[in-house]
Protein backbone atom coordinates (compact mmCIF):
# COMPACT_ATOMS: atom_id res chain seq x y z
CA MET A 1 26.42 -29.44 7.55
CA GLY A 2 22.76 -29.27 6.49
CA TRP A 3 19.76 -30.50 8.41
CA SER A 4 18.17 -33.82 7.62
CA ALA A 5 15.58 -36.17 9.10
CA LEU A 6 18.41 -37.93 10.94
CA HIS A 7 19.61 -34.75 12.69
CA CYS A 8 16.09 -33.81 13.78
CA ARG A 9 14.90 -37.34 14.44
CA ILE A 10 11.90 -36.71 12.22
CA SER A 11 10.85 -39.30 9.72
CA PRO A 12 10.78 -38.47 5.99
CA LEU A 13 7.00 -38.93 6.12
CA GLU A 14 6.75 -36.26 8.85
CA ILE A 15 8.99 -33.94 6.84
CA SER A 16 6.75 -34.40 3.82
CA TYR A 17 3.69 -33.64 5.95
CA TRP A 18 5.15 -30.41 7.37
CA LYS A 19 6.42 -29.29 3.95
CA SER A 20 2.82 -29.31 2.76
CA PHE A 21 2.20 -26.30 5.02
CA LEU A 22 5.12 -24.34 3.58
CA VAL A 23 3.59 -22.59 0.61
CA LEU A 24 5.30 -19.78 -1.23
CA SER A 25 3.43 -16.57 -0.57
CA THR A 26 1.33 -15.25 -3.42
CA ASP A 27 0.55 -12.01 -1.62
CA TRP A 28 1.55 -8.67 -3.07
CA ILE A 29 2.50 -5.70 -0.89
CA ILE A 30 1.43 -2.18 -1.86
CA HIS A 31 2.59 1.12 -0.37
CA CYS A 32 0.64 4.06 -1.81
CA ASP A 33 0.51 7.79 -1.24
CA GLY A 34 -0.99 10.85 -2.85
CA SER A 35 -0.25 14.54 -2.61
CA ALA A 36 -2.07 17.70 -3.65
CA VAL A 37 -0.23 20.98 -4.25
CA PRO A 38 -1.74 23.31 -3.26
CA ASN A 39 -4.42 21.49 -1.30
CA PRO A 40 -6.72 21.26 -3.23
CA GLY A 41 -4.76 21.45 -6.45
CA ARG A 42 -2.62 19.32 -8.74
CA MET A 43 -2.44 15.72 -7.57
CA GLY A 44 0.57 13.43 -7.60
CA LEU A 45 0.11 9.68 -7.16
CA GLY A 46 2.80 7.30 -5.99
CA ALA A 47 2.89 3.59 -5.29
CA VAL A 48 5.36 0.78 -4.78
CA LEU A 49 4.17 -2.76 -5.45
CA LEU A 50 6.23 -5.71 -4.30
CA ALA A 51 5.42 -8.95 -6.13
CA PRO A 52 5.75 -12.36 -4.46
CA ASP A 53 8.91 -13.04 -6.48
CA GLY A 54 10.52 -9.85 -5.15
CA THR A 55 9.95 -7.78 -8.29
CA ARG A 56 9.26 -4.12 -7.53
CA HIS A 57 6.82 -2.05 -9.57
CA VAL A 58 7.20 1.69 -9.03
CA LEU A 59 4.45 4.10 -10.09
CA SER A 60 4.65 7.90 -10.18
CA VAL A 61 1.86 9.69 -12.04
CA ALA A 62 0.47 13.22 -12.15
CA ALA A 63 -3.32 12.96 -12.13
CA ASP A 64 -5.13 14.62 -15.01
CA VAL A 65 -7.65 16.17 -12.62
CA ARG A 66 -7.32 18.47 -9.63
CA GLY A 67 -8.37 17.54 -6.12
CA CYS A 68 -7.57 17.43 -2.42
CA ASN A 69 -5.03 15.30 -0.58
CA ASN A 70 -7.66 12.71 0.40
CA GLU A 71 -8.73 12.30 -3.21
CA ALA A 72 -5.06 11.94 -4.21
CA GLU A 73 -4.62 9.16 -1.63
CA ALA A 74 -7.62 7.25 -3.05
CA ARG A 75 -6.48 7.75 -6.65
CA ALA A 76 -2.98 6.51 -5.76
CA LEU A 77 -4.53 3.32 -4.39
CA MET A 78 -6.67 2.96 -7.54
CA LEU A 79 -3.53 3.31 -9.68
CA ALA A 80 -1.81 0.59 -7.65
CA LEU A 81 -4.85 -1.72 -7.79
CA HIS A 82 -5.05 -1.43 -11.58
CA ASP A 83 -1.34 -2.28 -11.85
CA ALA A 84 -1.64 -5.22 -9.44
CA GLN A 85 -4.63 -6.56 -11.37
CA ALA A 86 -2.77 -6.22 -14.68
CA HIS A 87 0.04 -8.34 -13.22
CA GLY A 88 -2.35 -11.07 -12.04
CA ALA A 89 -2.25 -10.36 -8.31
CA THR A 90 -4.96 -12.03 -6.25
CA ALA A 91 -4.01 -11.17 -2.65
CA LEU A 92 -2.87 -7.76 -1.44
CA HIS A 93 -1.54 -6.20 1.74
CA ILE A 94 -2.00 -2.46 1.33
CA TYR A 95 -0.20 0.15 3.43
CA SER A 96 -1.15 3.83 3.49
CA ASP A 97 -0.44 6.76 5.79
CA SER A 98 -3.98 8.05 5.19
CA SER A 99 -6.07 7.13 8.22
CA LEU A 100 -9.17 8.38 6.38
CA LEU A 101 -8.57 6.05 3.42
CA VAL A 102 -7.97 3.04 5.67
CA ALA A 103 -11.02 3.83 7.82
CA GLN A 104 -13.34 4.44 4.85
CA LEU A 105 -12.35 1.24 3.07
CA GLY A 106 -11.38 -1.08 5.89
CA SER A 107 -13.81 -0.35 8.70
CA PRO A 108 -17.42 -1.32 8.05
CA GLY A 109 -19.84 1.14 9.58
CA THR A 110 -17.51 4.14 9.30
CA PRO A 111 -19.66 7.15 8.39
CA PRO A 112 -18.91 8.09 4.77
CA VAL A 113 -17.34 11.36 3.72
CA LEU A 114 -20.09 12.43 1.32
CA ARG A 115 -17.85 14.47 -0.99
CA LEU A 116 -15.59 11.43 -1.50
CA ALA A 117 -18.21 8.65 -1.30
CA ALA A 118 -18.35 7.98 -5.07
CA LEU A 119 -14.55 7.80 -5.30
CA TYR A 120 -14.31 5.42 -2.33
CA ALA A 121 -17.05 3.29 -3.92
CA GLU A 122 -14.87 3.00 -7.06
CA VAL A 123 -11.91 1.91 -4.94
CA ALA A 124 -14.07 -0.60 -3.05
CA ALA A 125 -15.26 -2.07 -6.36
CA LEU A 126 -11.64 -2.51 -7.46
CA LEU A 127 -10.75 -4.15 -4.14
CA ALA A 128 -13.59 -6.63 -4.66
CA ASN A 129 -11.75 -8.00 -7.72
CA PHE A 130 -9.13 -9.59 -5.48
CA VAL A 131 -9.45 -12.81 -3.48
CA HIS A 132 -7.93 -11.25 -0.36
CA THR A 133 -7.09 -7.68 0.62
CA SER A 134 -5.99 -6.13 3.87
CA LEU A 135 -5.55 -2.43 4.52
CA HIS A 136 -3.14 -1.11 7.12
CA TRP A 137 -2.43 2.39 8.36
CA ILE A 138 1.25 3.19 8.79
CA PRO A 139 2.95 6.35 10.05
CA ARG A 140 4.04 8.83 7.39
CA HIS A 141 7.74 8.19 7.99
CA ARG A 142 7.25 4.51 7.07
CA ASN A 143 5.73 5.43 3.69
CA GLY A 144 8.57 7.59 2.44
CA GLU A 145 9.15 5.96 -0.95
CA ALA A 146 5.50 6.21 -2.01
CA ASP A 147 5.42 9.82 -0.78
CA ALA A 148 8.56 10.65 -2.76
CA LEU A 149 7.00 9.12 -5.90
CA ALA A 150 3.79 11.14 -5.43
CA ARG A 151 5.81 14.34 -5.00
CA ALA A 152 8.10 13.50 -7.94
CA ALA A 153 5.04 13.20 -10.19
CA LEU A 154 4.45 16.91 -9.49
CA GLY A 155 8.10 17.85 -9.97
CA LEU A 156 8.69 18.28 -6.24
CA VAL A 157 11.65 17.06 -4.23
CA PRO A 158 11.10 14.44 -1.52
CA LYS A 159 10.40 15.71 1.97
CA GLY A 160 13.28 15.58 4.40
CA PRO A 161 13.10 13.61 7.63
CA ALA A 162 10.63 14.94 10.16
CA LYS A 163 12.13 17.34 12.66
CA LEU A 164 11.59 16.57 16.30
CA MET A 165 10.62 19.41 18.57
CA LYS A 166 12.98 19.74 21.50
CA LYS A 167 11.75 21.02 24.81
CA LYS A 168 13.61 23.97 26.18
CA ARG A 169 15.42 23.27 29.40
CA ARG A 170 14.94 25.67 32.24
């Protein structure tokens, strides 16, 4: 049996009022990662975009330039931002396992990394095209799909699960 105003003792007017607060989310979710092999070297860019309707957009691209892992992380985010913009996204929740990327773009007052300042400025300009963005750091093991896509772009196999170090018993 379904719920109704009678079961909850809420008037239809109250139901209508509360329904006005239930808006379908228009936020996109992005997981991005970059890799450089060797570091610095060839760069692989990976991203997974989840649209509000549940559609997944998977990106795996070998960059046409060489660079370090931090540059690859920024370029992977740029790739994802271009794709999100092309699909009409306006609000983004971005997840990356690069603490440097998240700090440089999400924490005002963070001292810039001079060698990467121009690249981060490009990313910041792209972020400004969206109504709302939030950047979140996540542990590497929670960004596995984006990492696998970045590695696949370079013809590499995905990394296996992290091995835990066991203490020797005495």
